[in-house]
Amino acid sequence: MVVQPDGSQDEDAVVLAITLTQDAERRLRDLPLEEEQRQQAASAGLVALLAEPLPHDFTRSLLKAPMEVLGGPIPENLIRCPGFCSVATARAVYEPALEQRADLLLRLRADPNGFTGQGRPQRPLMCCAMHGWTSVAKRLLAAEADVLLSDASKSTALHYAAIHHEVEMCTLLLEAAADADSKDAYGRSVWDIVNTGWAQKQPKLTLPTSLLKVMQSLGIASSVAELDGSTFSAQRFVDDFVALKRPVLVKRARTTLGSACGSDSCRRISPGFSWQKEDLLKHAAAARALVSHIPYGSDFGLDASLEQPVTLEEFLRSCKRRRIDEGAQCSSGKGAVRGSIASYFFVAVDDEAQPEIARVFAEVLGLVVGGPLTFPCFHSSCPFRTTTLQFAVGDAGSGSPMHFHQDAVNLLLLGKKRWWLRPPSMSAMSRLHPLDAVNCSVEEVEQCYSGACVLEQEAGDVVYIPDMWGHAVLNLENHTVCAATEFA
């Protein structure tokens, strides 16, 4: 922020810098500020602009209401399949405007390395590296952004590009003399990230002549690590997975969870709480949700009339299946699966909106919003706190479409699930049920699912989904129950 002599901040200058247009540039120049203050406003604006969660917010907005967002021609991919918007499609729409805004700020002498007083964890070039904004990164490099700078974790922009599988960005940074041997706070070079995060089932690689050739040959050939929950520690969770944004399936993790998982110590609700229908009806029958064939459907552009308010009791006693006539909304090829897709009871949990489920989560799982993350490391303390809690129950055939959000873990309490996972640069926002999507011949949808990492989660397993990783879920057994939480 621009700090005045009395310690206040010139909010007008910063707002103009963040939302910069050519008109705003003129107005910013006309503000009664010293040149140094104007430069600080531009620097603050650049940092804030590139820290915006554009891949998440813009991709979902474009999926939900493309005409409202664009006010003009709709991308061909969205015409062919209006129920699916990839990160790549959204990026192609907003990155030119982002580049123009960044260029205007740089012309106002914004610091391309960021303004250190902002409290932001990443510098502008690191934000570009995470999200694959190569055109913006070129602008920053032309303005002499330092490719060797690191953040508090000693990660450079190249570390971020490698962690997020941005091959083109890695190419750009290496050509700008980024150091592939620089180590982060965990002692990892970019070589180590490529070996552990990009090719987990391949043998460890020896160092060839060109790191870039290795990256290009590996592409996005990610797989999901599968580990024994009985020995999975919080330290390993942090160092090897959260820090690397690397998904993991922790097997049989819930065996330490109390009687919900077979022991005798299920705290206060019931000595034999099992997550079966009878227990849920006894302790959370009045919980309410808007139920359709996908969670939070209207947030992704689904017709709100297809969402029905029901209690958990009504849902569990009927578990009606619905024929989804709109299917995948694909206009070519094989189209959608036209058949029965199970409804899904999926709801956010907190003391105010869902007090009954919140009490069950607190007393059986030790989970409260804002409290400590209690899984997947049940036997050691995790250095994270929950930001949102989710509860879901559905029969075989229910599920969630491809989407992404911040770091999250999912504990399967009963049943079985299939997951499709995609790295951030290859992910998407969608309202296509997985049964529709896997049979859709629209190329972008087909590639998303056919190229995904696929895993199956059984009762007691925990899946960690890293920040921005796309994922879709299909329940494979009746009365599949899960608890999920995003965390920070």
Protein backbone atom coordinates (compact mmCIF):
# COMPACT_ATOMS: atom_id res chain seq x y z
CA MET A 1 0.00 0.00 0.00
CA VAL A 2 1.00 3.65 -0.37
CA VAL A 3 1.77 4.84 3.14
CA GLN A 4 1.15 8.51 3.91
CA PRO A 5 3.22 10.51 6.42
CA ASP A 6 0.53 9.95 9.05
CA GLY A 7 0.68 6.19 8.48
CA SER A 8 -2.59 5.96 6.51
CA GLN A 9 -2.86 4.25 3.14
CA ASP A 10 -3.85 5.92 -0.10
CA GLU A 11 -6.62 3.47 -0.97
CA ASP A 12 -7.66 5.40 -4.10
CA ALA A 13 -4.22 4.98 -5.62
CA VAL A 14 -4.06 1.25 -4.90
CA VAL A 15 -7.60 0.57 -6.15
CA LEU A 16 -6.83 2.41 -9.38
CA ALA A 17 -3.60 0.44 -9.74
CA ILE A 18 -5.31 -2.92 -9.23
CA THR A 19 -8.23 -2.25 -11.60
CA LEU A 20 -6.15 -0.40 -14.12
CA THR A 21 -7.51 0.62 -17.51
CA GLN A 22 -6.20 3.42 -19.68
CA ASP A 23 -8.72 5.75 -18.04
CA ALA A 24 -7.65 4.59 -14.58
CA GLU A 25 -4.02 5.10 -15.59
CA ARG A 26 -4.82 8.74 -16.40
CA ARG A 27 -6.70 9.19 -13.12
CA LEU A 28 -3.84 7.60 -11.17
CA ARG A 29 -1.37 9.99 -12.80
CA ASP A 30 -3.64 12.91 -11.83
CA LEU A 31 -3.77 11.98 -8.13
CA PRO A 32 -1.85 14.47 -5.94
CA LEU A 33 0.94 12.02 -5.14
CA GLU A 34 4.69 12.17 -5.19
CA GLU A 35 6.20 10.11 -7.99
CA GLU A 36 7.57 7.62 -5.48
CA GLN A 37 4.12 7.11 -3.98
CA ARG A 38 2.62 6.61 -7.44
CA GLN A 39 5.29 4.01 -8.19
CA GLN A 40 4.54 2.23 -4.91
CA ALA A 41 0.83 2.18 -5.81
CA ALA A 42 1.65 0.61 -9.17
CA SER A 43 3.90 -1.97 -7.45
CA ALA A 44 1.16 -2.79 -4.93
CA GLY A 45 -1.33 -3.09 -7.76
CA LEU A 46 0.91 -5.46 -9.72
CA VAL A 47 1.37 -7.75 -6.72
CA ALA A 48 -2.35 -7.78 -5.94
CA LEU A 49 -3.36 -8.24 -9.58
CA LEU A 50 -1.21 -11.33 -10.09
CA ALA A 51 -2.20 -12.80 -6.71
CA GLU A 52 -5.88 -12.87 -7.75
CA PRO A 53 -7.33 -16.43 -7.99
CA LEU A 54 -8.14 -15.97 -11.67
CA PRO A 55 -7.86 -19.64 -12.72
CA HIS A 56 -10.55 -20.58 -10.19
CA ASP A 57 -12.85 -17.57 -10.28
CA PHE A 58 -12.74 -16.75 -13.99
CA THR A 59 -12.98 -20.38 -15.13
CA ARG A 60 -16.07 -20.98 -13.00
CA SER A 61 -17.66 -17.67 -14.05
CA LEU A 62 -17.02 -18.47 -17.71
CA LEU A 63 -18.62 -21.91 -17.28
CA LYS A 64 -21.62 -20.49 -15.42
CA ALA A 65 -22.46 -17.45 -17.56
CA PRO A 66 -20.21 -17.03 -20.62
CA MET A 67 -22.34 -14.35 -22.30
CA GLU A 68 -22.45 -12.28 -19.13
CA VAL A 69 -18.69 -12.58 -18.63
CA LEU A 70 -17.62 -12.01 -22.23
CA GLY A 71 -20.31 -9.79 -23.66
CA GLY A 72 -19.25 -11.06 -27.07
CA PRO A 73 -18.28 -14.21 -29.00
CA ILE A 74 -18.10 -17.40 -26.94
CA PRO A 75 -15.04 -19.70 -27.34
CA GLU A 76 -15.67 -22.62 -29.68
CA ASN A 77 -14.93 -25.14 -26.92
CA LEU A 78 -17.79 -23.74 -24.82
CA ILE A 79 -20.15 -23.86 -27.79
CA ARG A 80 -19.34 -27.53 -28.44
CA CYS A 81 -19.75 -28.44 -24.78
CA PRO A 82 -21.30 -25.66 -22.64
CA GLY A 83 -21.07 -27.79 -19.50
CA PHE A 84 -17.26 -27.91 -19.46
CA CYS A 85 -14.66 -25.12 -19.30
CA SER A 86 -10.98 -26.01 -19.10
CA VAL A 87 -8.37 -23.86 -17.41
CA ALA A 88 -6.67 -23.56 -20.81
CA THR A 89 -9.84 -22.20 -22.44
CA ALA A 90 -10.35 -19.66 -19.66
CA ARG A 91 -6.67 -18.67 -19.70
CA ALA A 92 -6.81 -17.96 -23.42
CA VAL A 93 -9.68 -15.54 -22.74
CA TYR A 94 -8.35 -13.60 -19.76
CA GLU A 95 -4.54 -13.69 -20.15
CA PRO A 96 -4.36 -11.04 -22.92
CA ALA A 97 -6.26 -8.60 -20.68
CA LEU A 98 -4.08 -9.58 -17.73
CA GLU A 99 -0.97 -8.95 -19.81
CA GLN A 100 -2.27 -5.53 -20.85
CA ARG A 101 -3.02 -4.55 -17.26
CA ALA A 102 0.41 -5.72 -16.09
CA ASP A 103 2.04 -3.81 -18.94
CA LEU A 104 0.27 -0.58 -17.94
CA LEU A 105 1.44 -0.99 -14.36
CA LEU A 106 4.99 -1.63 -15.48
CA ARG A 107 4.85 1.54 -17.57
CA LEU A 108 3.95 3.31 -14.34
CA ARG A 109 7.28 1.96 -13.05
CA ALA A 110 5.84 -0.85 -10.92
CA ASP A 111 8.58 -3.00 -9.43
CA PRO A 112 8.57 -6.26 -11.48
CA ASN A 113 9.91 -8.10 -8.42
CA GLY A 114 7.00 -7.04 -6.26
CA PHE A 115 6.57 -4.66 -3.36
CA THR A 116 7.87 -6.34 -0.21
CA GLY A 117 5.50 -4.47 2.11
CA GLN A 118 2.44 -6.28 0.80
CA GLY A 119 2.67 -9.42 2.92
CA ARG A 120 2.11 -11.58 -0.18
CA PRO A 121 3.85 -14.96 -0.08
CA GLN A 122 4.83 -14.98 -3.78
CA ARG A 123 6.42 -12.42 -6.04
CA PRO A 124 4.81 -11.54 -9.40
CA LEU A 125 7.02 -13.87 -11.44
CA MET A 126 6.23 -16.74 -9.06
CA CYS A 127 2.48 -16.13 -9.52
CA CYS A 128 2.95 -16.30 -13.28
CA ALA A 129 4.95 -19.51 -12.90
CA MET A 130 2.20 -21.17 -10.85
CA HIS A 131 -0.54 -20.36 -13.33
CA GLY A 132 1.34 -20.64 -16.61
CA TRP A 133 0.97 -16.96 -17.56
CA THR A 134 3.90 -16.96 -19.99
CA SER A 135 2.97 -13.74 -21.80
CA VAL A 136 2.81 -11.84 -18.50
CA ALA A 137 6.07 -13.45 -17.36
CA LYS A 138 7.74 -12.23 -20.57
CA ARG A 139 6.64 -8.69 -19.72
CA LEU A 140 8.10 -9.02 -16.22
CA LEU A 141 11.38 -10.43 -17.53
CA ALA A 142 11.61 -7.64 -20.09
CA ALA A 143 11.24 -5.22 -17.16
CA GLU A 144 14.20 -6.99 -15.52
CA ALA A 145 12.38 -9.21 -13.01
CA ASP A 146 15.01 -11.26 -11.19
CA VAL A 147 14.53 -14.93 -12.09
CA LEU A 148 16.78 -16.02 -9.19
CA LEU A 149 14.78 -14.45 -6.34
CA SER A 150 13.21 -16.84 -3.81
CA ASP A 151 10.40 -16.61 -1.26
CA ALA A 152 10.31 -17.50 2.44
CA SER A 153 10.50 -21.21 1.56
CA LYS A 154 13.54 -20.52 -0.67
CA SER A 155 11.48 -21.49 -3.72
CA THR A 156 12.19 -19.67 -6.98
CA ALA A 157 9.82 -19.10 -9.87
CA LEU A 158 11.30 -22.21 -11.51
CA HIS A 159 10.40 -24.29 -8.44
CA TYR A 160 6.81 -23.07 -8.74
CA ALA A 161 6.64 -23.82 -12.46
CA ALA A 162 7.94 -27.35 -11.91
CA ILE A 163 5.60 -28.03 -8.98
CA HIS A 164 2.60 -26.94 -11.06
CA HIS A 165 3.68 -28.88 -14.17
CA GLU A 166 4.00 -25.77 -16.35
CA VAL A 167 6.42 -27.01 -19.00
CA GLU A 168 6.28 -23.91 -21.23
CA MET A 169 6.96 -21.71 -18.22
CA CYS A 170 9.93 -23.90 -17.25
CA THR A 171 11.28 -23.39 -20.77
CA LEU A 172 10.93 -19.62 -20.51
CA LEU A 173 12.58 -19.41 -17.09
CA LEU A 174 15.47 -21.67 -18.03
CA GLU A 175 16.09 -19.56 -21.13
CA ALA A 176 16.18 -16.55 -18.77
CA ALA A 177 19.00 -18.23 -16.79
CA ALA A 178 16.95 -19.70 -13.93
CA ASP A 179 19.03 -21.97 -11.69
CA ALA A 180 17.78 -25.57 -11.82
CA ASP A 181 20.20 -26.54 -9.03
CA SER A 182 18.94 -23.98 -6.49
CA LYS A 183 17.49 -25.74 -3.44
CA ASP A 184 14.37 -24.78 -1.52
CA ALA A 185 13.94 -24.94 2.27
CA TYR A 186 13.35 -28.70 2.00
CA GLY A 187 16.69 -29.18 0.21
CA ARG A 188 15.06 -29.89 -3.15
CA SER A 189 16.27 -28.66 -6.49
CA VAL A 190 14.02 -28.58 -9.54
CA TRP A 191 15.62 -31.90 -10.52
CA ASP A 192 14.25 -33.43 -7.32
CA ILE A 193 10.78 -32.01 -7.96
CA VAL A 194 10.73 -33.47 -11.46
CA ASN A 195 11.77 -36.87 -10.15
CA THR A 196 9.33 -37.03 -7.25
CA GLY A 197 6.35 -35.02 -8.43
CA TRP A 198 6.23 -35.61 -12.18
CA ALA A 199 7.13 -39.28 -12.57
CA GLN A 200 6.41 -40.99 -9.30
CA LYS A 201 6.21 -44.52 -10.71
CA GLN A 202 9.26 -44.19 -12.94
CA PRO A 203 12.79 -44.98 -11.78
CA LYS A 204 14.81 -42.08 -10.42
CA LEU A 205 16.47 -40.20 -13.22
CA THR A 206 20.16 -39.50 -13.55
CA LEU A 207 21.03 -35.94 -14.54
CA PRO A 208 21.15 -35.68 -18.33
CA THR A 209 22.64 -32.76 -20.20
CA SER A 210 19.46 -30.73 -20.35
CA LEU A 211 16.87 -30.46 -17.63
CA LEU A 212 14.47 -29.03 -20.15
CA LYS A 213 14.62 -32.17 -22.30
CA VAL A 214 13.75 -34.29 -19.28
CA MET A 215 10.79 -32.06 -18.42
CA GLN A 216 9.49 -32.13 -21.96
CA SER A 217 9.86 -35.90 -22.18
CA LEU A 218 8.01 -36.42 -18.91
CA GLY A 219 5.30 -33.92 -19.73
CA ILE A 220 2.47 -34.34 -17.22
CA ALA A 221 2.98 -38.06 -16.62
CA SER A 222 1.92 -37.80 -13.01
CA SER A 223 0.72 -40.68 -10.91
CA VAL A 224 -0.64 -40.77 -7.40
CA ALA A 225 1.49 -42.06 -4.55
CA GLU A 226 -0.17 -44.75 -2.41
CA LEU A 227 1.06 -45.06 1.19
CA ASP A 228 0.25 -47.01 4.34
CA GLY A 229 -1.67 -44.83 6.78
CA SER A 230 -0.33 -46.60 9.85
CA THR A 231 3.11 -45.04 9.34
CA PHE A 232 2.16 -41.82 7.54
CA SER A 233 3.50 -38.87 9.51
CA ALA A 234 2.56 -35.20 9.52
CA GLN A 235 6.14 -34.31 8.61
CA ARG A 236 6.03 -36.46 5.51
CA PHE A 237 2.60 -35.08 4.59
CA VAL A 238 3.97 -31.53 4.72
CA ASP A 239 7.40 -32.11 3.17
CA ASP A 240 6.64 -34.64 0.44
CA PHE A 241 3.09 -33.77 -0.56
CA VAL A 242 1.72 -30.38 0.49
CA ALA A 243 4.99 -28.59 -0.26
CA LEU A 244 5.20 -30.28 -3.67
CA LYS A 245 1.47 -30.04 -4.41
CA ARG A 246 1.56 -33.77 -4.98
CA PRO A 247 -1.61 -35.88 -4.49
CA VAL A 248 -1.49 -38.95 -2.29
CA LEU A 249 -3.78 -41.84 -1.37
CA VAL A 250 -3.28 -42.81 2.28
CA LYS A 251 -4.54 -46.37 2.75
CA ARG A 252 -6.36 -47.56 5.88
CA ALA A 253 -5.75 -44.23 7.58
CA ARG A 254 -8.97 -44.29 9.59
CA THR A 255 -8.07 -47.29 11.76
CA THR A 256 -6.89 -44.84 14.42
CA LEU A 257 -10.19 -42.94 14.41
CA GLY A 258 -12.25 -44.38 17.25
CA SER A 259 -15.30 -46.59 17.00
CA ALA A 260 -16.45 -45.02 13.76
CA CYS A 261 -13.69 -47.19 12.39
CA GLY A 262 -13.95 -50.25 14.57
CA SER A 263 -12.47 -49.39 17.98
CA ASP A 264 -14.23 -48.79 21.31
CA SER A 265 -13.56 -45.11 21.90
CA CYS A 266 -15.92 -43.01 19.82
CA ARG A 267 -16.06 -40.08 22.16
CA ARG A 268 -19.51 -38.85 23.29
CA ILE A 269 -22.16 -39.33 20.59
CA SER A 270 -22.37 -43.11 20.70
CA PRO A 271 -19.99 -45.91 21.65
CA GLY A 272 -20.83 -47.63 18.37
CA PHE A 273 -21.32 -44.83 15.84
CA SER A 274 -20.86 -46.33 12.39
CA TRP A 275 -22.02 -43.74 9.77
CA GLN A 276 -24.67 -46.23 8.68
CA LYS A 277 -28.16 -44.97 7.81
CA GLU A 278 -29.56 -45.67 11.27
CA ASP A 279 -26.86 -43.62 13.02
CA LEU A 280 -27.21 -40.71 10.61
CA LEU A 281 -30.98 -40.69 11.06
CA LYS A 282 -30.59 -40.74 14.83
CA HIS A 283 -28.07 -37.90 15.05
CA ALA A 284 -28.48 -35.74 11.91
CA ALA A 285 -31.92 -36.40 10.40
CA ALA A 286 -32.85 -32.71 10.17
CA ALA A 287 -29.74 -31.65 8.20
CA ARG A 288 -30.77 -29.95 4.94
CA ALA A 289 -29.20 -29.67 1.50
CA LEU A 290 -30.07 -28.60 -2.04
CA VAL A 291 -29.86 -31.97 -3.77
CA SER A 292 -29.35 -32.64 -7.47
CA HIS A 293 -27.19 -34.97 -9.53
CA ILE A 294 -24.09 -32.83 -8.80
CA PRO A 295 -23.06 -30.87 -5.69
CA TYR A 296 -23.73 -27.11 -5.63
CA GLY A 297 -25.11 -27.35 -9.16
CA SER A 298 -26.36 -23.77 -9.51
CA ASP A 299 -22.86 -22.48 -8.64
CA PHE A 300 -21.67 -24.14 -11.85
CA GLY A 301 -24.52 -23.02 -14.09
CA LEU A 302 -26.99 -25.86 -13.51
CA ASP A 303 -30.65 -24.83 -13.74
CA ALA A 304 -31.60 -24.02 -10.14
CA SER A 305 -34.96 -25.74 -10.61
CA LEU A 306 -33.10 -29.07 -10.72
CA GLU A 307 -31.94 -28.59 -7.12
CA GLN A 308 -34.44 -29.76 -4.51
CA PRO A 309 -34.28 -28.84 -0.80
CA VAL A 310 -34.46 -32.05 1.23
CA THR A 311 -33.56 -33.19 4.73
CA LEU A 312 -31.05 -35.95 5.31
CA GLU A 313 -33.91 -38.10 6.58
CA GLU A 314 -35.92 -37.60 3.39
CA PHE A 315 -32.87 -38.35 1.29
CA LEU A 316 -31.86 -41.52 3.16
CA ARG A 317 -35.38 -42.92 3.25
CA SER A 318 -35.99 -42.40 -0.47
CA CYS A 319 -32.58 -42.20 -2.21
CA LYS A 320 -34.41 -41.60 -5.47
CA ARG A 321 -32.56 -41.88 -8.72
CA ARG A 322 -33.28 -39.35 -11.42
CA ARG A 323 -33.07 -39.52 -15.18
CA ILE A 324 -30.91 -36.61 -16.29
CA ASP A 325 -32.23 -35.69 -19.73
CA GLU A 326 -29.82 -32.82 -20.32
CA GLY A 327 -26.92 -35.24 -19.94
CA ALA A 328 -23.52 -33.85 -20.79
CA GLN A 329 -24.89 -31.11 -23.03
CA CYS A 330 -22.51 -32.32 -25.69
CA SER A 331 -23.59 -31.61 -29.24
CA SER A 332 -21.52 -34.15 -31.14
CA GLY A 333 -20.30 -37.72 -31.18
CA LYS A 334 -21.41 -40.25 -28.61
CA GLY A 335 -22.93 -37.54 -26.40
CA ALA A 336 -23.98 -38.38 -22.88
CA VAL A 337 -24.94 -41.45 -20.95
CA ARG A 338 -28.74 -41.32 -20.96
CA GLY A 339 -29.78 -43.16 -17.87
CA SER A 340 -30.17 -43.12 -14.14
CA ILE A 341 -27.72 -40.96 -12.23
CA ALA A 342 -28.05 -40.99 -8.46
CA SER A 343 -28.74 -37.79 -6.56
CA TYR A 344 -26.05 -36.66 -4.15
CA PHE A 345 -26.51 -35.18 -0.67
CA PHE A 346 -23.48 -32.91 -0.39
CA VAL A 347 -23.39 -30.03 2.06
CA ALA A 348 -21.04 -27.56 3.74
CA VAL A 349 -20.87 -28.07 7.51
CA ASP A 350 -20.73 -25.44 10.24
CA ASP A 351 -22.37 -24.84 13.60
CA GLU A 352 -24.91 -22.38 12.24
CA ALA A 353 -26.05 -24.00 8.98
CA GLN A 354 -25.70 -27.68 9.90
CA PRO A 355 -25.51 -27.94 13.72
CA GLU A 356 -26.31 -31.67 13.84
CA ILE A 357 -23.65 -32.74 11.35
CA ALA A 358 -21.24 -30.23 12.87
CA ARG A 359 -21.69 -31.92 16.26
CA VAL A 360 -21.07 -35.36 14.73
CA PHE A 361 -17.94 -34.10 12.98
CA ALA A 362 -16.65 -32.51 16.18
CA GLU A 363 -17.30 -35.46 18.45
CA VAL A 364 -16.50 -38.35 16.11
CA LEU A 365 -13.80 -36.89 13.87
CA GLY A 366 -12.51 -34.03 16.01
CA LEU A 367 -13.19 -31.63 13.13
CA VAL A 368 -14.47 -28.07 13.50
CA VAL A 369 -14.24 -25.14 11.09
CA GLY A 370 -11.05 -23.28 11.93
CA GLY A 371 -9.78 -26.13 14.10
CA PRO A 372 -6.80 -28.45 13.62
CA LEU A 373 -6.68 -30.76 10.63
CA THR A 374 -7.13 -34.23 12.15
CA PHE A 375 -6.41 -36.37 9.08
CA PRO A 376 -4.63 -37.91 7.19
CA CYS A 377 -2.03 -37.89 9.99
CA PHE A 378 -4.16 -39.23 12.84
CA HIS A 379 -1.27 -40.18 15.08
CA SER A 380 0.72 -36.93 14.79
CA SER A 381 -0.07 -33.24 14.88
CA CYS A 382 -0.66 -31.53 11.51
CA PRO A 383 0.37 -27.85 11.16
CA PHE A 384 -2.81 -26.90 9.28
CA ARG A 385 -6.28 -25.67 10.16
CA THR A 386 -9.54 -26.41 8.40
CA THR A 387 -11.18 -23.64 6.36
CA THR A 388 -14.33 -25.47 5.21
CA LEU A 389 -15.93 -28.81 6.08
CA GLN A 390 -18.08 -30.94 3.77
CA PHE A 391 -20.31 -33.96 4.36
CA ALA A 392 -21.60 -36.18 1.55
CA VAL A 393 -23.65 -39.34 1.19
CA GLY A 394 -24.87 -40.98 -2.00
CA ASP A 395 -25.53 -44.27 -3.74
CA ALA A 396 -23.58 -45.88 -6.56
CA GLY A 397 -23.78 -43.59 -9.57
CA SER A 398 -23.69 -40.35 -7.63
CA GLY A 399 -20.66 -38.12 -7.93
CA SER A 400 -19.01 -34.77 -8.52
CA PRO A 401 -17.92 -33.27 -11.86
CA MET A 402 -14.43 -32.03 -12.63
CA HIS A 403 -13.56 -28.97 -10.51
CA PHE A 404 -10.76 -27.58 -8.36
CA HIS A 405 -10.18 -25.51 -5.22
CA GLN A 406 -7.61 -25.03 -2.46
CA ASP A 407 -5.76 -27.87 -0.67
CA ALA A 408 -8.21 -30.50 0.59
CA VAL A 409 -8.38 -33.97 2.10
CA ASN A 410 -11.22 -36.47 1.75
CA LEU A 411 -11.82 -39.25 4.28
CA LEU A 412 -14.01 -42.09 3.03
CA LEU A 413 -16.09 -43.37 5.94
CA LEU A 414 -18.15 -45.98 4.09
CA GLY A 415 -18.34 -47.30 0.54
CA LYS A 416 -16.01 -46.86 -2.42
CA LYS A 417 -15.08 -44.02 -4.81
CA ARG A 418 -13.31 -43.59 -8.12
CA TRP A 419 -11.28 -40.40 -8.64
CA TRP A 420 -9.99 -38.70 -11.80
CA LEU A 421 -7.17 -36.20 -11.11
CA ARG A 422 -5.59 -33.60 -13.40
CA PRO A 423 -2.66 -31.21 -12.72
CA PRO A 424 -3.57 -27.52 -12.50
CA SER A 425 -2.70 -26.59 -16.08
CA MET A 426 -4.88 -29.45 -17.38
CA SER A 427 -7.85 -29.12 -15.02
CA ALA A 428 -11.34 -27.73 -15.63
CA MET A 429 -14.57 -26.52 -14.11
CA SER A 430 -17.58 -28.55 -15.19
CA ARG A 431 -21.19 -29.42 -14.47
CA LEU A 432 -20.96 -32.70 -16.39
CA HIS A 433 -21.56 -35.70 -14.17
CA PRO A 434 -18.61 -38.13 -14.52
CA LEU A 435 -20.86 -40.77 -16.13
CA ASP A 436 -21.65 -38.25 -18.84
CA ALA A 437 -18.13 -36.92 -19.17
CA VAL A 438 -16.36 -40.25 -19.65
CA ASN A 439 -18.65 -40.99 -22.61
CA CYS A 440 -18.48 -37.53 -24.16
CA SER A 441 -16.62 -37.36 -27.48
CA VAL A 442 -15.94 -33.62 -27.37
CA GLU A 443 -12.14 -33.61 -27.61
CA GLU A 444 -11.41 -31.34 -24.65
CA VAL A 445 -13.59 -33.41 -22.30
CA GLU A 446 -12.30 -36.70 -23.64
CA GLN A 447 -8.67 -35.67 -23.19
CA CYS A 448 -9.29 -34.45 -19.67
CA TYR A 449 -10.63 -37.80 -18.49
CA SER A 450 -8.56 -40.15 -20.66
CA GLY A 451 -5.35 -38.43 -19.55
CA ALA A 452 -6.26 -38.28 -15.87
CA CYS A 453 -4.66 -40.15 -12.99
CA VAL A 454 -7.34 -42.63 -11.84
CA LEU A 455 -7.49 -44.13 -8.37
CA GLU A 456 -10.01 -45.98 -6.23
CA GLN A 457 -10.59 -45.02 -2.61
CA GLU A 458 -11.93 -47.57 -0.13
CA ALA A 459 -13.49 -47.09 3.29
CA GLY A 460 -10.84 -45.79 5.67
CA ASP A 461 -8.65 -44.26 2.96
CA VAL A 462 -7.78 -40.55 2.77
CA VAL A 463 -7.07 -38.71 -0.51
CA TYR A 464 -5.10 -35.45 -0.53
CA ILE A 465 -6.03 -33.17 -3.44
CA PRO A 466 -3.51 -30.33 -3.87
CA ASP A 467 -4.44 -26.74 -4.49
CA MET A 468 -5.74 -26.21 -8.06
CA TRP A 469 -5.65 -29.91 -9.00
CA GLY A 470 -8.73 -30.86 -11.00
CA HIS A 471 -10.72 -33.81 -9.71
CA ALA A 472 -13.95 -35.65 -10.44
CA VAL A 473 -15.48 -38.36 -8.25
CA LEU A 474 -17.86 -41.27 -8.85
CA ASN A 475 -19.34 -43.28 -5.98
CA LEU A 476 -19.14 -47.01 -6.72
CA GLU A 477 -21.22 -48.44 -3.85
CA ASN A 478 -24.55 -47.62 -2.27
CA HIS A 479 -24.45 -45.49 0.89
CA THR A 480 -21.00 -44.10 0.24
CA VAL A 481 -20.24 -41.56 2.99
CA CYS A 482 -17.34 -39.12 3.21
CA ALA A 483 -16.02 -36.19 5.20
CA ALA A 484 -13.88 -33.61 3.45
CA THR A 485 -12.12 -30.44 4.45
CA GLU A 486 -10.17 -27.70 2.74
CA PHE A 487 -7.27 -26.43 4.80
CA ALA A 488 -4.55 -23.83 4.99
